[in-house]
Amino acid sequence: TMDLYVADHFNNRVQLFERGNINGTTVAGSGASGTIALHSPNSVIVDGNGYLFIADSGNNRIVGQNQNGFRCLVGCSGGGSA
């Protein structure tokens, strides 16, 4: 199946649009339970295992997902800039 993940910059969330559905489901950030808070995410990718990696631009960090949930990978002290 071809699902579409969208980094919803202004609503501080990542949404999943599953094939055949016109409505998205919030999977990370604002409005999703059990996830990490996001501030202005601007891109998202999915790895071969189906885990998300999010460029959380407002927090200057990269967030990753694994079987235990979401965690900060890069820029975790708030000082990321590149």
PDB file of N, CA and C in Angstrom:
ATOM      1  N   THR A   1       0.841  -1.184   0.000  1.00  0.00           N
ATOM      2  CA  THR A   1       0.000   0.000   0.000  1.00  0.00           C
ATOM      3  C   THR A   1       0.882   1.241   0.000  1.00  0.00           C
ATOM      4  N   MET A   2       0.331   2.315  -0.499  1.00  0.00           N
ATOM      5  CA  MET A   2       1.034   3.595  -0.522  1.00  0.00           C
ATOM      6  C   MET A   2       0.332   4.559   0.421  1.00  0.00           C
ATOM      7  N   ASP A   3       0.925   4.753   1.583  1.00  0.00           N
ATOM      8  CA  ASP A   3       0.407   5.712   2.545  1.00  0.00           C
ATOM      9  C   ASP A   3       1.226   6.990   2.431  1.00  0.00           C
ATOM     10  N   LEU A   4       0.626   8.101   2.828  1.00  0.00           N
ATOM     11  CA  LEU A   4       1.284   9.399   2.742  1.00  0.00           C
ATOM     12  C   LEU A   4       1.391  10.003   4.140  1.00  0.00           C
ATOM     13  N   TYR A   5       2.620  10.329   4.542  1.00  0.00           N
ATOM     14  CA  TYR A   5       2.852  11.040   5.794  1.00  0.00           C
ATOM     15  C   TYR A   5       3.098  12.500   5.465  1.00  0.00           C
ATOM     16  N   VAL A   6       2.467  13.395   6.232  1.00  0.00           N
ATOM     17  CA  VAL A   6       2.563  14.827   5.986  1.00  0.00           C
ATOM     18  C   VAL A   6       3.038  15.528   7.256  1.00  0.00           C
ATOM     19  N   ALA A   7       4.143  16.280   7.138  1.00  0.00           N
ATOM     20  CA  ALA A   7       4.602  17.133   8.239  1.00  0.00           C
ATOM     21  C   ALA A   7       3.759  18.402   8.192  1.00  0.00           C
ATOM     22  N   ASP A   8       2.841  18.533   9.127  1.00  0.00           N
ATOM     23  CA  ASP A   8       1.913  19.662   9.199  1.00  0.00           C
ATOM     24  C   ASP A   8       2.560  20.759  10.050  1.00  0.00           C
ATOM     25  N   HIS A   9       3.370  21.566   9.381  1.00  0.00           N
ATOM     26  CA  HIS A   9       4.216  22.581  10.012  1.00  0.00           C
ATOM     27  C   HIS A   9       3.450  23.490  10.970  1.00  0.00           C
ATOM     28  N   PHE A  10       2.368  24.075  10.509  1.00  0.00           N
ATOM     29  CA  PHE A  10       1.658  25.084  11.304  1.00  0.00           C
ATOM     30  C   PHE A  10       0.797  24.500  12.413  1.00  0.00           C
ATOM     31  N   ASN A  11       0.472  23.216  12.337  1.00  0.00           N
ATOM     32  CA  ASN A  11      -0.326  22.579  13.385  1.00  0.00           C
ATOM     33  C   ASN A  11       0.511  21.687  14.298  1.00  0.00           C
ATOM     34  N   ASN A  12       1.840  21.721  14.126  1.00  0.00           N
ATOM     35  CA  ASN A  12       2.766  21.019  15.020  1.00  0.00           C
ATOM     36  C   ASN A  12       2.464  19.528  15.146  1.00  0.00           C
ATOM     37  N   ARG A  13       2.303  18.871  13.994  1.00  0.00           N
ATOM     38  CA  ARG A  13       1.961  17.452  14.009  1.00  0.00           C
ATOM     39  C   ARG A  13       2.389  16.779  12.709  1.00  0.00           C
ATOM     40  N   VAL A  14       2.350  15.460  12.741  1.00  0.00           N
ATOM     41  CA  VAL A  14       2.548  14.644  11.540  1.00  0.00           C
ATOM     42  C   VAL A  14       1.287  13.826  11.356  1.00  0.00           C
ATOM     43  N   GLN A  15       0.765  13.846  10.131  1.00  0.00           N
ATOM     44  CA  GLN A  15      -0.453  13.104   9.850  1.00  0.00           C
ATOM     45  C   GLN A  15      -0.195  11.993   8.841  1.00  0.00           C
ATOM     46  N   LEU A  16      -0.961  10.926   8.982  1.00  0.00           N
ATOM     47  CA  LEU A  16      -0.924   9.792   8.077  1.00  0.00           C
ATOM     48  C   LEU A  16      -2.218   9.764   7.282  1.00  0.00           C
ATOM     49  N   PHE A  17      -2.067   9.757   5.953  1.00  0.00           N
ATOM     50  CA  PHE A  17      -3.206   9.583   5.053  1.00  0.00           C
ATOM     51  C   PHE A  17      -3.057   8.204   4.421  1.00  0.00           C
ATOM     52  N   GLU A  18      -3.894   7.274   4.856  1.00  0.00           N
ATOM     53  CA  GLU A  18      -3.826   5.919   4.330  1.00  0.00           C
ATOM     54  C   GLU A  18      -4.513   5.851   2.975  1.00  0.00           C
ATOM     55  N   ARG A  19      -4.009   4.971   2.142  1.00  0.00           N
ATOM     56  CA  ARG A  19      -4.538   4.820   0.786  1.00  0.00           C
ATOM     57  C   ARG A  19      -6.052   4.613   0.816  1.00  0.00           C
ATOM     58  N   GLY A  20      -6.747   5.409   0.032  1.00  0.00           N
ATOM     59  CA  GLY A  20      -8.198   5.307  -0.065  1.00  0.00           C
ATOM     60  C   GLY A  20      -8.956   6.167   0.929  1.00  0.00           C
ATOM     61  N   ASN A  21      -8.276   6.783   1.879  1.00  0.00           N
ATOM     62  CA  ASN A  21      -8.934   7.635   2.874  1.00  0.00           C
ATOM     63  C   ASN A  21      -8.630   9.094   2.579  1.00  0.00           C
ATOM     64  N   ILE A  22      -9.640   9.943   2.708  1.00  0.00           N
ATOM     65  CA  ILE A  22      -9.427  11.371   2.475  1.00  0.00           C
ATOM     66  C   ILE A  22      -9.120  12.116   3.767  1.00  0.00           C
ATOM     67  N   ASN A  23      -9.328  11.476   4.911  1.00  0.00           N
ATOM     68  CA  ASN A  23      -9.043  12.095   6.201  1.00  0.00           C
ATOM     69  C   ASN A  23      -7.760  11.528   6.777  1.00  0.00           C
ATOM     70  N   GLY A  24      -6.962  12.406   7.343  1.00  0.00           N
ATOM     71  CA  GLY A  24      -5.706  11.990   7.949  1.00  0.00           C
ATOM     72  C   GLY A  24      -5.871  11.660   9.418  1.00  0.00           C
ATOM     73  N   THR A  25      -4.922  10.883   9.927  1.00  0.00           N
ATOM     74  CA  THR A  25      -4.842  10.538  11.338  1.00  0.00           C
ATOM     75  C   THR A  25      -3.558  11.137  11.885  1.00  0.00           C
ATOM     76  N   THR A  26      -3.644  11.842  12.998  1.00  0.00           N
ATOM     77  CA  THR A  26      -2.455  12.418  13.602  1.00  0.00           C
ATOM     78  C   THR A  26      -1.688  11.311  14.311  1.00  0.00           C
ATOM     79  N   VAL A  27      -0.414  11.127  13.903  1.00  0.00           N
ATOM     80  CA  VAL A  27       0.407  10.052  14.457  1.00  0.00           C
ATOM     81  C   VAL A  27       1.531  10.567  15.354  1.00  0.00           C
ATOM     82  N   ALA A  28       1.830  11.849  15.293  1.00  0.00           N
ATOM     83  CA  ALA A  28       2.863  12.436  16.152  1.00  0.00           C
ATOM     84  C   ALA A  28       2.560  13.910  16.363  1.00  0.00           C
ATOM     85  N   GLY A  29       2.896  14.405  17.556  1.00  0.00           N
ATOM     86  CA  GLY A  29       2.712  15.812  17.844  1.00  0.00           C
ATOM     87  C   GLY A  29       1.341  16.150  18.374  1.00  0.00           C
ATOM     88  N   SER A  30       0.934  17.382  18.147  1.00  0.00           N
ATOM     89  CA  SER A  30      -0.303  17.938  18.684  1.00  0.00           C
ATOM     90  C   SER A  30      -1.519  17.116  18.272  1.00  0.00           C
ATOM     91  N   GLY A  31      -2.250  16.628  19.266  1.00  0.00           N
ATOM     92  CA  GLY A  31      -3.470  15.874  19.011  1.00  0.00           C
ATOM     93  C   GLY A  31      -3.292  14.370  19.007  1.00  0.00           C
ATOM     94  N   ALA A  32      -2.062  13.889  19.088  1.00  0.00           N
ATOM     95  CA  ALA A  32      -1.811  12.450  19.121  1.00  0.00           C
ATOM     96  C   ALA A  32      -1.405  12.055  20.536  1.00  0.00           C
ATOM     97  N   SER A  33      -2.058  11.047  21.069  1.00  0.00           N
ATOM     98  CA  SER A  33      -1.719  10.622  22.426  1.00  0.00           C
ATOM     99  C   SER A  33      -0.482   9.724  22.410  1.00  0.00           C
ATOM    100  N   GLY A  34       0.318   9.837  23.457  1.00  0.00           N
ATOM    101  CA  GLY A  34       1.478   8.985  23.622  1.00  0.00           C
ATOM    102  C   GLY A  34       2.633   9.270  22.681  1.00  0.00           C
ATOM    103  N   THR A  35       2.714  10.481  22.142  1.00  0.00           N
ATOM    104  CA  THR A  35       3.825  10.825  21.252  1.00  0.00           C
ATOM    105  C   THR A  35       4.625  11.972  21.841  1.00  0.00           C
ATOM    106  N   ILE A  36       5.518  12.504  21.058  1.00  0.00           N
ATOM    107  CA  ILE A  36       6.393  13.593  21.468  1.00  0.00           C
ATOM    108  C   ILE A  36       5.814  14.927  20.989  1.00  0.00           C
ATOM    109  N   ALA A  37       6.035  15.994  21.739  1.00  0.00           N
ATOM    110  CA  ALA A  37       5.586  17.324  21.317  1.00  0.00           C
ATOM    111  C   ALA A  37       6.476  17.815  20.178  1.00  0.00           C
ATOM    112  N   LEU A  38       5.871  18.372  19.156  1.00  0.00           N
ATOM    113  CA  LEU A  38       6.593  18.906  18.007  1.00  0.00           C
ATOM    114  C   LEU A  38       6.349  20.407  17.904  1.00  0.00           C
ATOM    115  N   HIS A  39       7.322  21.107  17.325  1.00  0.00           N
ATOM    116  CA  HIS A  39       7.174  22.533  17.056  1.00  0.00           C
ATOM    117  C   HIS A  39       7.641  22.794  15.634  1.00  0.00           C
ATOM    118  N   SER A  40       6.712  23.016  14.757  1.00  0.00           N
ATOM    119  CA  SER A  40       6.973  23.332  13.351  1.00  0.00           C
ATOM    120  C   SER A  40       7.759  22.247  12.609  1.00  0.00           C
ATOM    121  N   PRO A  41       7.263  20.992  12.626  1.00  0.00           N
ATOM    122  CA  PRO A  41       7.956  19.956  11.853  1.00  0.00           C
ATOM    123  C   PRO A  41       7.904  20.306  10.375  1.00  0.00           C
ATOM    124  N   ASN A  42       9.007  20.072   9.652  1.00  0.00           N
ATOM    125  CA  ASN A  42       8.984  20.437   8.235  1.00  0.00           C
ATOM    126  C   ASN A  42       9.291  19.287   7.291  1.00  0.00           C
ATOM    127  N   SER A  43       9.637  18.114   7.803  1.00  0.00           N
ATOM    128  CA  SER A  43       9.723  16.951   6.924  1.00  0.00           C
ATOM    129  C   SER A  43       9.687  15.681   7.749  1.00  0.00           C
ATOM    130  N   VAL A  44       9.299  14.613   7.072  1.00  0.00           N
ATOM    131  CA  VAL A  44       9.174  13.308   7.719  1.00  0.00           C
ATOM    132  C   VAL A  44       9.551  12.238   6.705  1.00  0.00           C
ATOM    133  N   ILE A  45      10.279  11.232   7.165  1.00  0.00           N
ATOM    134  CA  ILE A  45      10.573  10.081   6.319  1.00  0.00           C
ATOM    135  C   ILE A  45      10.222   8.818   7.100  1.00  0.00           C
ATOM    136  N   VAL A  46      10.052   7.726   6.378  1.00  0.00           N
ATOM    137  CA  VAL A  46       9.732   6.435   6.966  1.00  0.00           C
ATOM    138  C   VAL A  46      10.821   5.461   6.566  1.00  0.00           C
ATOM    139  N   ASP A  47      11.356   4.708   7.545  1.00  0.00           N
ATOM    140  CA  ASP A  47      12.393   3.736   7.207  1.00  0.00           C
ATOM    141  C   ASP A  47      11.754   2.408   6.779  1.00  0.00           C
ATOM    142  N   GLY A  48      12.591   1.441   6.464  1.00  0.00           N
ATOM    143  CA  GLY A  48      12.118   0.151   5.974  1.00  0.00           C
ATOM    144  C   GLY A  48      11.288  -0.637   6.966  1.00  0.00           C
ATOM    145  N   ASN A  49      11.390  -0.288   8.258  1.00  0.00           N
ATOM    146  CA  ASN A  49      10.604  -0.950   9.295  1.00  0.00           C
ATOM    147  C   ASN A  49       9.309  -0.218   9.609  1.00  0.00           C
ATOM    148  N   GLY A  50       9.064   0.900   8.915  1.00  0.00           N
ATOM    149  CA  GLY A  50       7.845   1.668   9.133  1.00  0.00           C
ATOM    150  C   GLY A  50       7.948   2.701  10.244  1.00  0.00           C
ATOM    151  N   TYR A  51       9.167   2.974  10.740  1.00  0.00           N
ATOM    152  CA  TYR A  51       9.350   3.970  11.788  1.00  0.00           C
ATOM    153  C   TYR A  51       9.580   5.346  11.182  1.00  0.00           C
ATOM    154  N   LEU A  52       9.086   6.373  11.874  1.00  0.00           N
ATOM    155  CA  LEU A  52       9.175   7.749  11.404  1.00  0.00           C
ATOM    156  C   LEU A  52      10.426   8.445  11.924  1.00  0.00           C
ATOM    157  N   PHE A  53      10.946   9.363  11.103  1.00  0.00           N
ATOM    158  CA  PHE A  53      12.021  10.268  11.481  1.00  0.00           C
ATOM    159  C   PHE A  53      11.574  11.658  11.051  1.00  0.00           C
ATOM    160  N   ILE A  54      11.551  12.592  12.004  1.00  0.00           N
ATOM    161  CA  ILE A  54      10.920  13.894  11.801  1.00  0.00           C
ATOM    162  C   ILE A  54      11.938  15.011  12.019  1.00  0.00           C
ATOM    163  N   ALA A  55      12.019  15.937  11.060  1.00  0.00           N
ATOM    164  CA  ALA A  55      12.800  17.158  11.236  1.00  0.00           C
ATOM    165  C   ALA A  55      11.891  18.152  11.963  1.00  0.00           C
ATOM    166  N   ASP A  56      12.147  18.319  13.242  1.00  0.00           N
ATOM    167  CA  ASP A  56      11.338  19.177  14.116  1.00  0.00           C
ATOM    168  C   ASP A  56      12.003  20.553  14.161  1.00  0.00           C
ATOM    169  N   SER A  57      11.758  21.359  13.136  1.00  0.00           N
ATOM    170  CA  SER A  57      12.533  22.587  12.908  1.00  0.00           C
ATOM    171  C   SER A  57      12.404  23.621  14.015  1.00  0.00           C
ATOM    172  N   GLY A  58      11.243  23.763  14.594  1.00  0.00           N
ATOM    173  CA  GLY A  58      11.063  24.751  15.651  1.00  0.00           C
ATOM    174  C   GLY A  58      11.841  24.422  16.915  1.00  0.00           C
ATOM    175  N   ASN A  59      12.149  23.147  17.105  1.00  0.00           N
ATOM    176  CA  ASN A  59      12.939  22.714  18.256  1.00  0.00           C
ATOM    177  C   ASN A  59      14.390  22.415  17.874  1.00  0.00           C
ATOM    178  N   ASN A  60      14.746  22.642  16.600  1.00  0.00           N
ATOM    179  CA  ASN A  60      16.109  22.416  16.110  1.00  0.00           C
ATOM    180  C   ASN A  60      16.617  21.014  16.423  1.00  0.00           C
ATOM    181  N   ARG A  61      15.797  20.001  16.099  1.00  0.00           N
ATOM    182  CA  ARG A  61      16.175  18.634  16.414  1.00  0.00           C
ATOM    183  C   ARG A  61      15.601  17.644  15.410  1.00  0.00           C
ATOM    184  N   ILE A  62      16.116  16.428  15.500  1.00  0.00           N
ATOM    185  CA  ILE A  62      15.582  15.308  14.726  1.00  0.00           C
ATOM    186  C   ILE A  62      14.978  14.338  15.732  1.00  0.00           C
ATOM    187  N   VAL A  63      13.753  13.936  15.475  1.00  0.00           N
ATOM    188  CA  VAL A  63      13.025  13.006  16.326  1.00  0.00           C
ATOM    189  C   VAL A  63      12.899  11.687  15.578  1.00  0.00           C
ATOM    190  N   GLY A  64      13.082  10.595  16.289  1.00  0.00           N
ATOM    191  CA  GLY A  64      12.945   9.276  15.680  1.00  0.00           C
ATOM    192  C   GLY A  64      11.962   8.428  16.450  1.00  0.00           C
ATOM    193  N   GLN A  65      11.466   7.409  15.783  1.00  0.00           N
ATOM    194  CA  GLN A  65      10.509   6.485  16.385  1.00  0.00           C
ATOM    195  C   GLN A  65      11.112   5.087  16.352  1.00  0.00           C
ATOM    196  N   ASN A  66      10.839   4.289  17.375  1.00  0.00           N
ATOM    197  CA  ASN A  66      11.159   2.869  17.358  1.00  0.00           C
ATOM    198  C   ASN A  66      10.045   2.128  18.090  1.00  0.00           C
ATOM    199  N   GLN A  67      10.277   0.872  18.420  1.00  0.00           N
ATOM    200  CA  GLN A  67       9.236   0.076  19.064  1.00  0.00           C
ATOM    201  C   GLN A  67       8.822   0.622  20.425  1.00  0.00           C
ATOM    202  N   ASN A  68       9.642   1.487  21.021  1.00  0.00           N
ATOM    203  CA  ASN A  68       9.323   2.077  22.323  1.00  0.00           C
ATOM    204  C   ASN A  68       8.681   3.450  22.232  1.00  0.00           C
ATOM    205  N   GLY A  69       8.466   3.953  21.030  1.00  0.00           N
ATOM    206  CA  GLY A  69       7.849   5.267  20.855  1.00  0.00           C
ATOM    207  C   GLY A  69       8.809   6.258  20.237  1.00  0.00           C
ATOM    208  N   PHE A  70       8.580   7.540  20.487  1.00  0.00           N
ATOM    209  CA  PHE A  70       9.375   8.622  19.909  1.00  0.00           C
ATOM    210  C   PHE A  70      10.440   9.090  20.891  1.00  0.00           C
ATOM    211  N   ARG A  71      11.592   9.523  20.347  1.00  0.00           N
ATOM    212  CA  ARG A  71      12.656  10.073  21.160  1.00  0.00           C
ATOM    213  C   ARG A  71      13.475  11.034  20.314  1.00  0.00           C
ATOM    214  N   CYS A  72      14.187  11.923  20.971  1.00  0.00           N
ATOM    215  CA  CYS A  72      15.071  12.853  20.292  1.00  0.00           C
ATOM    216  C   CYS A  72      16.355  12.133  19.910  1.00  0.00           C
ATOM    217  N   LEU A  73      16.834  12.372  18.672  1.00  0.00           N
ATOM    218  CA  LEU A  73      18.064  11.757  18.189  1.00  0.00           C
ATOM    219  C   LEU A  73      19.211  12.748  18.076  1.00  0.00           C
ATOM    220  N   VAL A  74      18.930  13.953  17.562  1.00  0.00           N
ATOM    221  CA  VAL A  74      19.946  14.971  17.319  1.00  0.00           C
ATOM    222  C   VAL A  74      19.396  16.315  17.788  1.00  0.00           C
ATOM    223  N   GLY A  75      20.237  17.138  18.426  1.00  0.00           N
ATOM    224  CA  GLY A  75      19.808  18.459  18.894  1.00  0.00           C
ATOM    225  C   GLY A  75      18.957  18.382  20.144  1.00  0.00           C
ATOM    226  N   CYS A  76      19.159  17.357  20.955  1.00  0.00           N
ATOM    227  CA  CYS A  76      18.305  17.105  22.116  1.00  0.00           C
ATOM    228  C   CYS A  76      18.452  18.141  23.220  1.00  0.00           C
ATOM    229  N   SER A  77      19.559  18.855  23.247  1.00  0.00           N
ATOM    230  CA  SER A  77      19.746  19.881  24.273  1.00  0.00           C
ATOM    231  C   SER A  77      19.210  21.232  23.829  1.00  0.00           C
ATOM    232  N   GLY A  78      18.582  21.275  22.658  1.00  0.00           N
ATOM    233  CA  GLY A  78      18.013  22.513  22.145  1.00  0.00           C
ATOM    234  C   GLY A  78      18.989  23.379  21.403  1.00  0.00           C
ATOM    235  N   GLY A  79      20.217  22.882  21.185  1.00  0.00           N
ATOM    236  CA  GLY A  79      21.227  23.697  20.552  1.00  0.00           C
ATOM    237  C   GLY A  79      21.513  23.357  19.107  1.00  0.00           C
ATOM    238  N   GLY A  80      20.716  22.492  18.510  1.00  0.00           N
ATOM    239  CA  GLY A  80      20.966  22.116  17.121  1.00  0.00           C
ATOM    240  C   GLY A  80      20.783  23.292  16.187  1.00  0.00           C
ATOM    241  N   SER A  81      21.611  23.373  15.151  1.00  0.00           N
ATOM    242  CA  SER A  81      21.469  24.497  14.221  1.00  0.00           C
ATOM    243  C   SER A  81      21.715  24.108  12.783  1.00  0.00           C
ATOM    244  N   ALA A  82      22.278  22.942  12.521  1.00  0.00           N
ATOM    245  CA  ALA A  82      22.622  22.590  11.150  1.00  0.00           C
ATOM    246  C   ALA A  82      21.741  21.491  10.645  1.00  0.00           C
TER     247      ALA A  82
END
